[in-house]
Amino acid sequence: MRLDKFLKVSRIIKRRTVANEAAKGDKILVNGKPAKPSLVLKIGDIVTVNYFKQLVEVKVLSLTPSIRKDDASNMYEVIRVIDKKAAE
């Protein structure tokens, strides 16, 4: 599954176009490297999302192409959340 689609389906980012722009702007890392929106994810990959106020690192657990909103959080496991304000 493409990175931008995973971010949208898992509801880590609400819209695919926003996920696409974030990846193009180097706000998304996969396994520690900047990733393009078209990168094909594998189960076990570590995705880091650089939000405005925090960094969120998740591990990919499932690549289901379509899932209910209530079950979307089962697609990933949150490894850590780093608050940028506290880190400064």
C-alpha atoms as a PDB file:
ATOM      1  CA  MET A   1       0.000   0.000   0.000  1.00  0.00           C
ATOM      2  CA  ARG A   2       1.252   3.495  -0.823  1.00  0.00           C
ATOM      3  CA  LEU A   3       2.375   5.701   2.058  1.00  0.00           C
ATOM      4  CA  ASP A   4      -0.172   8.451   1.378  1.00  0.00           C
ATOM      5  CA  LYS A   5      -3.043   5.957   1.222  1.00  0.00           C
ATOM      6  CA  PHE A   6      -1.921   4.250   4.453  1.00  0.00           C
ATOM      7  CA  LEU A   7      -1.839   7.588   6.292  1.00  0.00           C
ATOM      8  CA  LYS A   8      -5.362   8.378   5.100  1.00  0.00           C
ATOM      9  CA  VAL A   9      -6.930   4.933   5.651  1.00  0.00           C
ATOM     10  CA  SER A  10      -5.383   4.629   9.123  1.00  0.00           C
ATOM     11  CA  ARG A  11      -6.568   8.175   9.849  1.00  0.00           C
ATOM     12  CA  ILE A  12      -3.139   9.327  10.986  1.00  0.00           C
ATOM     13  CA  ILE A  13      -3.712  12.160   8.495  1.00  0.00           C
ATOM     14  CA  LYS A  14      -7.303  12.953   7.576  1.00  0.00           C
ATOM     15  CA  ARG A  15      -6.980  13.518   3.814  1.00  0.00           C
ATOM     16  CA  ARG A  16      -4.807  11.843   1.213  1.00  0.00           C
ATOM     17  CA  THR A  17      -3.888  15.141  -0.430  1.00  0.00           C
ATOM     18  CA  VAL A  18      -2.590  16.446   2.912  1.00  0.00           C
ATOM     19  CA  ALA A  19      -0.613  13.211   3.397  1.00  0.00           C
ATOM     20  CA  ASN A  20       0.772  13.601  -0.122  1.00  0.00           C
ATOM     21  CA  GLU A  21       1.876  17.201   0.519  1.00  0.00           C
ATOM     22  CA  ALA A  22       3.411  16.285   3.897  1.00  0.00           C
ATOM     23  CA  ALA A  23       5.493  13.544   2.307  1.00  0.00           C
ATOM     24  CA  LYS A  24       6.625  15.848  -0.485  1.00  0.00           C
ATOM     25  CA  GLY A  25       7.595  18.427   2.156  1.00  0.00           C
ATOM     26  CA  ASP A  26       9.832  15.926   4.012  1.00  0.00           C
ATOM     27  CA  LYS A  27       7.464  15.800   7.018  1.00  0.00           C
ATOM     28  CA  ILE A  28       7.175  11.994   6.792  1.00  0.00           C
ATOM     29  CA  LEU A  29       9.999   9.535   7.428  1.00  0.00           C
ATOM     30  CA  VAL A  30       9.866   5.782   6.851  1.00  0.00           C
ATOM     31  CA  ASN A  31      12.515   3.786   8.684  1.00  0.00           C
ATOM     32  CA  GLY A  32      14.404   7.021   9.359  1.00  0.00           C
ATOM     33  CA  LYS A  33      14.567   8.212   5.739  1.00  0.00           C
ATOM     34  CA  PRO A  34      12.477  10.874   3.952  1.00  0.00           C
ATOM     35  CA  ALA A  35       9.722   9.144   1.995  1.00  0.00           C
ATOM     36  CA  LYS A  36       7.809   9.979  -1.156  1.00  0.00           C
ATOM     37  CA  PRO A  37       4.004   9.595  -1.156  1.00  0.00           C
ATOM     38  CA  SER A  38       4.283   6.670  -3.600  1.00  0.00           C
ATOM     39  CA  LEU A  39       6.559   4.590  -1.347  1.00  0.00           C
ATOM     40  CA  VAL A  40       5.118   1.100  -0.883  1.00  0.00           C
ATOM     41  CA  LEU A  41       4.919   0.272   2.822  1.00  0.00           C
ATOM     42  CA  LYS A  42       5.495  -3.139   4.356  1.00  0.00           C
ATOM     43  CA  ILE A  43       4.258  -4.509   7.664  1.00  0.00           C
ATOM     44  CA  GLY A  44       6.811  -3.642  10.330  1.00  0.00           C
ATOM     45  CA  ASP A  45       7.905  -0.330   8.777  1.00  0.00           C
ATOM     46  CA  ILE A  46       8.365   2.580  11.187  1.00  0.00           C
ATOM     47  CA  VAL A  47       6.608   5.764  10.037  1.00  0.00           C
ATOM     48  CA  THR A  48       7.462   9.094  11.678  1.00  0.00           C
ATOM     49  CA  VAL A  49       5.079  11.998  11.134  1.00  0.00           C
ATOM     50  CA  ASN A  50       6.331  15.507  11.898  1.00  0.00           C
ATOM     51  CA  TYR A  51       3.241  17.422  13.027  1.00  0.00           C
ATOM     52  CA  PHE A  52       3.390  21.116  13.896  1.00  0.00           C
ATOM     53  CA  LYS A  53       3.812  20.584  17.669  1.00  0.00           C
ATOM     54  CA  GLN A  54       4.894  16.960  17.943  1.00  0.00           C
ATOM     55  CA  LEU A  55       6.596  13.981  16.322  1.00  0.00           C
ATOM     56  CA  VAL A  56       4.604  10.750  16.199  1.00  0.00           C
ATOM     57  CA  GLU A  57       6.329   7.447  15.486  1.00  0.00           C
ATOM     58  CA  VAL A  58       4.178   4.425  14.584  1.00  0.00           C
ATOM     59  CA  LYS A  59       4.819   0.839  13.520  1.00  0.00           C
ATOM     60  CA  VAL A  60       2.753  -0.519  10.603  1.00  0.00           C
ATOM     61  CA  LEU A  61       0.752  -3.567  11.743  1.00  0.00           C
ATOM     62  CA  SER A  62      -1.748  -3.953   8.890  1.00  0.00           C
ATOM     63  CA  LEU A  63      -2.169  -2.775   5.299  1.00  0.00           C
ATOM     64  CA  THR A  64      -5.927  -3.169   4.879  1.00  0.00           C
ATOM     65  CA  PRO A  65      -7.043  -1.087   1.854  1.00  0.00           C
ATOM     66  CA  SER A  66     -10.403  -0.192   3.409  1.00  0.00           C
ATOM     67  CA  ILE A  67     -11.359  -0.234   7.084  1.00  0.00           C
ATOM     68  CA  ARG A  68     -14.022   1.131   9.427  1.00  0.00           C
ATOM     69  CA  LYS A  69     -13.200   4.294  11.336  1.00  0.00           C
ATOM     70  CA  ASP A  70     -13.428   2.473  14.683  1.00  0.00           C
ATOM     71  CA  ASP A  71     -10.888  -0.152  13.566  1.00  0.00           C
ATOM     72  CA  ALA A  72      -8.405   2.225  11.885  1.00  0.00           C
ATOM     73  CA  SER A  73      -6.173   2.431  14.962  1.00  0.00           C
ATOM     74  CA  ASN A  74      -5.560  -1.343  14.678  1.00  0.00           C
ATOM     75  CA  MET A  75      -3.488  -0.672  11.540  1.00  0.00           C
ATOM     76  CA  TYR A  76      -0.608   0.765  13.572  1.00  0.00           C
ATOM     77  CA  GLU A  77       1.012   0.802  16.987  1.00  0.00           C
ATOM     78  CA  VAL A  78       2.169   4.114  18.460  1.00  0.00           C
ATOM     79  CA  ILE A  79       5.808   3.721  19.470  1.00  0.00           C
ATOM     80  CA  ARG A  80       6.366   7.201  20.838  1.00  0.00           C
ATOM     81  CA  VAL A  81       5.104  10.769  20.766  1.00  0.00           C
ATOM     82  CA  ILE A  82       7.600  13.591  21.231  1.00  0.00           C
ATOM     83  CA  ASP A  83       6.287  17.017  22.188  1.00  0.00           C
ATOM     84  CA  LYS A  84       8.458  19.579  20.390  1.00  0.00           C
ATOM     85  CA  LYS A  85       7.895  22.313  22.990  1.00  0.00           C
ATOM     86  CA  ALA A  86       9.118  20.059  25.812  1.00  0.00           C
ATOM     87  CA  ALA A  87      12.196  19.060  23.793  1.00  0.00           C
ATOM     88  CA  GLU A  88      13.361  22.683  23.402  1.00  0.00           C
END
